[in-house]
Amino acid sequence: MDSFRKYIYQQTYRELSRLGDRLAKTDKAIEWEAFHPIIKAMYQNDTEKGGRPNNDEVLMVKLLVLQQWYGICDEEAEK
């Protein structure tokens, strides 16, 4: 990895550490695994065509919840 990219990653992680881990805070308040069977029944993206592997359904719901609660845009959520 080149030094500039390493520097950018370090700066990004430093900023994220300063902001705190919002998802860790919600894990204490919400039993996320209870959503798994509900979401799994609605989320059917398993085809024989292949393609990109599915993300965990509960993780996707967590991201949507965080976006709504904290006003996070899609680009911020990707980070």
Protein backbone atom coordinates (compact mmCIF):
# COMPACT_ATOMS: atom_id res chain seq x y z
CA MET A 1 0.00 0.00 0.00
CA ASP A 2 1.44 3.37 -0.90
CA SER A 3 2.14 5.86 1.86
CA PHE A 4 -0.45 8.41 0.69
CA ARG A 5 -3.26 5.84 0.78
CA LYS A 6 -2.08 4.67 4.20
CA TYR A 7 -2.12 8.26 5.42
CA ILE A 8 -5.69 8.79 4.14
CA TYR A 9 -6.87 5.58 5.84
CA GLN A 10 -5.24 6.63 9.10
CA GLN A 11 -6.90 10.04 8.95
CA THR A 12 -10.28 8.48 8.18
CA TYR A 13 -10.02 5.98 11.04
CA ARG A 14 -8.89 8.74 13.40
CA GLU A 15 -11.96 10.79 12.48
CA LEU A 16 -14.27 7.78 12.90
CA SER A 17 -12.75 7.08 16.31
CA ARG A 18 -13.38 10.67 17.34
CA LEU A 19 -17.04 10.41 16.32
CA GLY A 20 -17.56 7.17 18.23
CA ASP A 21 -19.12 3.89 17.20
CA ARG A 22 -22.83 4.61 16.87
CA LEU A 23 -23.65 1.05 15.92
CA ALA A 24 -22.11 -0.30 19.12
CA LYS A 25 -24.42 1.97 21.11
CA THR A 26 -27.52 0.63 19.33
CA ASP A 27 -26.44 -3.00 19.82
CA LYS A 28 -27.05 -2.57 23.53
CA ALA A 29 -30.55 -1.17 22.99
CA ILE A 30 -31.92 -3.42 20.21
CA GLU A 31 -31.99 -7.21 19.81
CA TRP A 32 -31.08 -7.25 16.12
CA GLU A 33 -31.08 -11.02 15.63
CA ALA A 34 -34.84 -11.08 16.25
CA PHE A 35 -35.21 -9.34 12.88
CA HIS A 36 -33.34 -12.04 10.96
CA PRO A 37 -36.30 -14.38 10.19
CA ILE A 38 -38.57 -11.46 9.28
CA ILE A 39 -36.10 -9.84 6.92
CA LYS A 40 -34.91 -13.13 5.41
CA ALA A 41 -38.48 -13.92 4.33
CA MET A 42 -38.75 -10.57 2.49
CA TYR A 43 -35.24 -10.48 1.05
CA GLN A 44 -34.88 -12.99 -1.75
CA ASN A 45 -31.88 -12.26 -3.90
CA ASP A 46 -30.53 -15.77 -4.33
CA THR A 47 -30.40 -16.59 -8.02
CA GLU A 48 -28.50 -19.14 -10.03
CA LYS A 49 -27.00 -16.38 -12.18
CA GLY A 50 -24.32 -15.74 -9.60
CA GLY A 51 -23.12 -12.23 -9.06
CA ARG A 52 -22.07 -10.36 -5.99
CA PRO A 53 -22.68 -12.13 -2.68
CA ASN A 54 -25.53 -10.80 -0.56
CA ASN A 55 -24.83 -8.65 2.45
CA ASP A 56 -26.21 -9.76 5.78
CA GLU A 57 -29.85 -8.67 5.99
CA VAL A 58 -29.61 -7.43 9.57
CA LEU A 59 -26.53 -5.37 8.72
CA MET A 60 -28.48 -3.64 5.98
CA VAL A 61 -31.30 -2.81 8.40
CA LYS A 62 -28.76 -1.47 10.90
CA LEU A 63 -27.39 0.83 8.23
CA LEU A 64 -30.86 2.10 7.36
CA VAL A 65 -31.64 2.74 11.03
CA LEU A 66 -28.37 4.63 11.55
CA GLN A 67 -28.97 6.69 8.42
CA GLN A 68 -32.40 7.69 9.67
CA TRP A 69 -31.41 8.42 13.28
CA TYR A 70 -28.25 10.36 12.55
CA GLY A 71 -28.95 11.86 9.12
CA ILE A 72 -26.19 9.88 7.42
CA CYS A 73 -26.15 9.94 3.63
CA ASP A 74 -25.44 6.85 1.53
CA GLU A 75 -21.83 7.88 0.89
CA GLU A 76 -21.14 8.25 4.62
CA ALA A 77 -22.75 4.90 5.32
CA GLU A 78 -20.45 3.24 2.80
CA LYS A 79 -17.41 4.47 4.73
